[in-house]
Structures are given as structure tokens and as C-alpha cells.
Amino acid sequence: MAENLKVERREDFGKGAARRIRRDNAIPAVLYGHEMDPVHLVLPYHATALIARNSNALIELELPDGKTKLALIKDIQRHPVRREIQHLDLIVVKRGEKVEVDIPFQVEGEPVSPATHIMELNDLTILVDALKVPEVIEISVEGLEEGTQIFAGDLTLPEGAELVTDAEALVVSVEVPQVDEADLETPEAEDAEGEEAAEGEESSEDAEDSDEE
């Protein structure tokens, strides 16, 4: 279901204008696609930030002239420190068409202890109906044993979706964490080493004292 968002057209351009838009608690954005000329917009910050929690959110944009456009979030630019949204790229979509999107994973369950799951990919690229873009692709690792591997082609996709990522791409592996032998040293062993070193220093000092005498 599309989220409704009332937007304004952007009239001023340049870095200074973009900063003013952000100071006014809004977000500069650009809308493009379907061979239309890019349209520069100003979006309300709070409502947009809520929608953008889903990176592939479908938005029904209400333009100042009363027309509406369906769009998907194509790219989000954030401040490197504060993580605030700085700019949005929106792509126009039409009902019934398929779009290529990157969908993040959501892992459910736990493998057989002491194994753990390791993510080999961050997301999955699929071709899917613009009105049926999922927020996440769910992967269950419940009860899986060490050595289990899940490939892109093993995953369940939304009805009608097509896999774009290579079907042989490794998505998840189940492994037992390897422990570094250095981490196995006990505090007692470290204390013993420290005592030996101290005794060595004392012996050296005694020898030096004997030489001086």
C-alpha cells in the first residue's frame, strides 16, 4: 500500500538553497523516470523520515498542481555523523509494472548451538510488481546445523517476483566460531608469566648489585 505524501516544488537550487530547505525541517528531493524530465521537490521531514524507514517504500506523491505520482525511494543520502536524511532520489512507477529493487534480509531463529549464522550478502536483488515490493526477505536458520549453506536460489520470493541476484550466490552459512588460541590463556597463566618476569628482573638486579660490590 502506498504512503501518501504532500510535497512542494523546489524553486531554488544550489548548496545554500539546500541548506535552507533542511533548516526549515524539509528534505530536497528529485523525481524522475518514464522518460519524464526530472522534477525537483521539497518533502516534509518528519513524514518522509517515517516512510523512509522502509528503503523501498512506495509513495503516492501529491503535487502542488493536484496531480499524483506513484514513486519508489531509489536512493537515500544521509549525514555521515547525524544520519539525518539530506536528499532523496525518487523513481516514478506505474501500476502493474515490475521494478528492480534490493531487499534486505531478516533472519529468524537460531541454529544448533554452538553454531551461529554468518551473512554473506547484505540484500537480494529481485524484479517484482511495484505495488508488491516486500520490506524484507525472511530467512529461517532455526535448527540448522554446522556446515549448512543457503543460496539465493533457495529463498522464497514474493508471488510473481523474479530473482536477479545469481541463484548460486551464497547468502547465509552456518558455522561454529573459531577460537583464537591466544584467547585461551587463563589469567592464572598470565599472572605466572608476570611473576616469572618479575623474578627474572630481581635476579638481574641482584647480579648487578654483586658486580658493583
Protein backbone atom coordinates (compact mmCIF):
# COMPACT_ATOMS: atom_id res chain seq x y z
CA MET A 1 0.00 0.00 0.00
CA ALA A 2 1.32 3.41 -0.98
CA GLU A 3 2.01 6.07 1.64
CA ASN A 4 0.51 9.46 0.84
CA LEU A 5 2.83 12.46 0.96
CA LYS A 6 2.02 16.07 0.09
CA VAL A 7 5.04 17.77 -1.49
CA GLU A 8 6.11 21.14 -2.88
CA ARG A 9 8.12 22.02 -5.96
CA ARG A 10 11.63 23.25 -5.35
CA GLU A 11 12.27 26.68 -6.83
CA ASP A 12 15.77 27.49 -5.52
CA PHE A 13 18.88 25.46 -6.24
CA GLY A 14 22.49 25.22 -5.08
CA LYS A 15 24.10 24.20 -1.79
CA GLY A 16 22.89 27.30 0.02
CA ALA A 17 19.30 26.66 -1.03
CA ALA A 18 19.55 23.01 0.03
CA ARG A 19 20.81 24.07 3.47
CA ARG A 20 17.90 26.48 3.84
CA ILE A 21 15.44 23.70 2.97
CA ARG A 22 16.97 21.48 5.65
CA ARG A 23 16.91 24.31 8.20
CA ASP A 24 13.17 24.58 7.51
CA ASN A 25 12.81 20.91 8.53
CA ALA A 26 12.34 19.68 4.97
CA ILE A 27 14.21 17.47 2.50
CA PRO A 28 15.29 18.31 -1.06
CA ALA A 29 14.44 15.51 -3.50
CA VAL A 30 14.34 14.71 -7.20
CA LEU A 31 11.68 12.67 -9.02
CA TYR A 32 12.47 11.01 -12.36
CA GLY A 33 11.66 8.04 -14.57
CA HIS A 34 9.48 7.01 -17.53
CA GLU A 35 11.32 9.46 -19.76
CA MET A 36 9.95 12.46 -17.86
CA ASP A 37 12.15 15.45 -17.11
CA PRO A 38 13.45 15.38 -13.52
CA VAL A 39 11.17 17.21 -11.09
CA HIS A 40 12.79 18.82 -8.05
CA LEU A 41 10.71 18.64 -4.89
CA VAL A 42 10.66 19.63 -1.23
CA LEU A 43 9.39 16.96 1.17
CA PRO A 44 8.27 17.38 4.82
CA TYR A 45 10.99 15.89 7.01
CA HIS A 46 9.09 14.04 9.72
CA ALA A 47 6.55 12.30 7.48
CA THR A 48 9.23 11.41 4.95
CA ALA A 49 11.59 10.01 7.59
CA LEU A 50 8.85 7.72 8.88
CA ILE A 51 8.18 6.42 5.36
CA ALA A 52 11.91 6.06 4.59
CA ARG A 53 12.39 3.54 7.39
CA ASN A 54 11.47 1.11 4.61
CA SER A 55 14.13 1.77 1.96
CA ASN A 56 11.83 0.57 -0.85
CA ALA A 57 8.70 2.34 0.32
CA LEU A 58 6.01 3.08 -2.28
CA ILE A 59 4.84 6.70 -2.04
CA GLU A 60 1.87 8.45 -3.60
CA LEU A 61 3.13 11.99 -4.10
CA GLU A 62 0.52 14.73 -4.08
CA LEU A 63 1.96 17.52 -6.25
CA PRO A 64 1.06 21.22 -5.91
CA ASP A 65 -0.98 21.12 -9.15
CA GLY A 66 -3.24 18.44 -7.68
CA LYS A 67 -1.79 15.59 -9.74
CA THR A 68 -0.42 12.48 -8.08
CA LYS A 69 2.56 10.30 -8.93
CA LEU A 70 3.47 6.86 -7.62
CA ALA A 71 7.14 6.64 -6.73
CA LEU A 72 9.66 4.39 -5.05
CA ILE A 73 12.60 5.56 -2.96
CA LYS A 74 15.64 4.86 -5.13
CA ASP A 75 18.39 6.40 -3.03
CA ILE A 76 18.71 8.00 0.41
CA GLN A 77 21.60 10.32 1.21
CA ARG A 78 22.24 10.77 4.93
CA HIS A 79 24.51 12.98 7.02
CA PRO A 80 27.65 10.90 7.77
CA VAL A 81 27.51 11.61 11.51
CA ARG A 82 23.96 12.58 12.49
CA ARG A 83 22.39 10.14 9.96
CA GLU A 84 19.70 12.68 9.12
CA ILE A 85 18.24 12.45 5.61
CA GLN A 86 19.94 15.01 3.37
CA HIS A 87 18.42 14.16 -0.03
CA LEU A 88 16.13 11.64 -1.70
CA ASP A 89 16.02 10.19 -5.21
CA LEU A 90 12.53 9.03 -6.19
CA ILE A 91 11.67 6.98 -9.27
CA VAL A 92 8.25 7.10 -10.91
CA VAL A 93 6.45 3.75 -11.19
CA LYS A 94 3.16 2.70 -12.76
CA ARG A 95 0.61 0.21 -11.51
CA GLY A 96 1.22 -3.24 -12.94
CA GLU A 97 4.85 -2.71 -13.90
CA LYS A 98 7.78 -4.57 -12.38
CA VAL A 99 10.74 -2.80 -10.81
CA GLU A 100 14.21 -4.00 -9.85
CA VAL A 101 14.88 -3.45 -6.15
CA ASP A 102 17.37 -4.50 -3.46
CA ILE A 103 15.62 -6.10 -0.47
CA PRO A 104 17.35 -6.53 2.92
CA PHE A 105 17.23 -9.81 4.85
CA GLN A 106 15.58 -10.61 8.15
CA VAL A 107 16.94 -13.71 9.89
CA GLU A 108 14.63 -15.74 12.13
CA GLY A 109 15.52 -18.41 14.68
CA GLU A 110 18.78 -19.90 15.96
CA PRO A 111 20.97 -22.69 14.55
CA VAL A 112 22.05 -25.69 16.65
CA SER A 113 24.46 -24.48 19.37
CA PRO A 114 27.35 -23.71 19.36
CA ALA A 115 26.98 -22.82 15.66
CA THR A 116 25.97 -19.35 14.54
CA HIS A 117 24.84 -17.90 11.23
CA ILE A 118 27.04 -15.67 9.08
CA MET A 119 25.52 -13.33 6.49
CA GLU A 120 27.44 -13.46 3.22
CA LEU A 121 25.16 -10.93 1.41
CA ASN A 122 23.50 -7.75 2.66
CA ASP A 123 20.49 -7.84 0.37
CA LEU A 124 18.80 -9.62 -2.54
CA THR A 125 18.02 -8.05 -5.91
CA ILE A 126 14.64 -9.04 -7.36
CA LEU A 127 12.25 -7.95 -10.09
CA VAL A 128 8.82 -7.50 -8.55
CA ASP A 129 5.45 -5.77 -9.03
CA ALA A 130 5.85 -2.13 -7.98
CA LEU A 131 2.83 -2.43 -5.70
CA LYS A 132 4.09 -5.60 -4.02
CA VAL A 133 7.66 -4.73 -3.03
CA PRO A 134 8.42 -6.53 0.26
CA GLU A 135 10.17 -4.73 3.12
CA VAL A 136 12.41 -7.72 3.86
CA ILE A 137 13.21 -11.24 2.67
CA GLU A 138 12.84 -13.63 5.62
CA ILE A 139 15.39 -16.40 6.17
CA SER A 140 14.93 -19.07 8.87
CA VAL A 141 18.06 -20.59 10.42
CA GLU A 142 16.11 -22.36 13.17
CA GLY A 143 17.67 -25.73 13.96
CA LEU A 144 20.24 -25.62 11.16
CA GLU A 145 23.48 -27.49 11.76
CA GLU A 146 27.09 -26.52 11.21
CA GLY A 147 28.04 -26.59 7.55
CA THR A 148 24.58 -25.64 6.26
CA GLN A 149 24.61 -23.12 3.41
CA ILE A 150 21.70 -21.15 2.00
CA PHE A 151 21.97 -19.83 -1.55
CA ALA A 152 19.95 -17.10 -3.28
CA GLY A 153 18.09 -19.71 -5.31
CA ASP A 154 16.91 -21.43 -2.10
CA LEU A 155 14.95 -18.41 -0.86
CA THR A 156 11.19 -17.98 -1.09
CA LEU A 157 10.29 -14.88 -3.10
CA PRO A 158 7.02 -12.93 -3.19
CA GLU A 159 4.46 -14.27 -5.65
CA GLY A 160 5.37 -13.21 -9.20
CA ALA A 161 8.84 -11.95 -8.24
CA GLU A 162 11.92 -12.92 -10.25
CA LEU A 163 15.42 -13.39 -8.86
CA VAL A 164 18.05 -11.02 -10.30
CA THR A 165 20.88 -11.95 -7.93
CA ASP A 166 22.83 -15.02 -9.13
CA ALA A 167 20.97 -18.10 -7.86
CA GLU A 168 24.33 -19.63 -6.85
CA ALA A 169 25.27 -16.65 -4.66
CA LEU A 170 25.86 -17.71 -1.04
CA VAL A 171 23.56 -15.82 1.31
CA VAL A 172 23.97 -17.49 4.72
CA SER A 173 26.42 -20.04 6.12
CA VAL A 174 26.17 -21.79 9.49
CA GLU A 175 29.49 -22.22 11.27
CA VAL A 176 30.96 -22.79 14.72
CA PRO A 177 33.04 -19.74 15.70
CA GLN A 178 36.77 -20.41 15.72
CA VAL A 179 38.54 -19.51 18.97
CA ASP A 180 42.00 -17.98 18.77
CA GLU A 181 44.44 -19.98 20.93
CA ALA A 182 45.78 -16.72 22.31
CA ASP A 183 42.34 -16.07 23.78
CA LEU A 184 42.53 -19.35 25.71
CA GLU A 185 45.31 -18.14 28.01
CA THR A 186 43.99 -18.01 31.55
CA PRO A 187 44.51 -15.13 33.96
CA GLU A 188 46.47 -17.58 36.17
CA ALA A 189 48.89 -18.29 33.31
CA GLU A 190 49.30 -14.57 32.67
CA ASP A 191 49.95 -13.99 36.41
CA ALA A 192 52.52 -16.79 36.40
CA GLU A 193 54.29 -15.24 33.42
CA GLY A 194 54.27 -11.90 35.19
CA GLU A 195 55.75 -13.44 38.35
CA GLU A 196 58.48 -15.19 36.33
CA ALA A 197 59.34 -11.93 34.62
CA ALA A 198 59.47 -10.14 37.98
CA GLU A 199 61.69 -12.85 39.44
CA GLY A 200 63.98 -12.55 36.41
CA GLU A 201 64.26 -8.81 36.92
CA GLU A 202 65.06 -9.30 40.62
CA SER A 203 67.76 -11.85 39.76
CA SER A 204 69.29 -9.40 37.29
CA GLU A 205 69.24 -6.63 39.89
CA ASP A 206 70.92 -8.95 42.45
CA ALA A 207 73.59 -9.86 39.93
CA GLU A 208 74.22 -6.18 39.19
CA ASP A 209 74.46 -5.43 42.92
CA SER A 210 77.03 -8.24 43.31
CA ASP A 211 79.08 -6.88 40.44
CA GLU A 212 79.02 -3.38 41.99
CA GLU A 213 80.17 -4.74 45.34
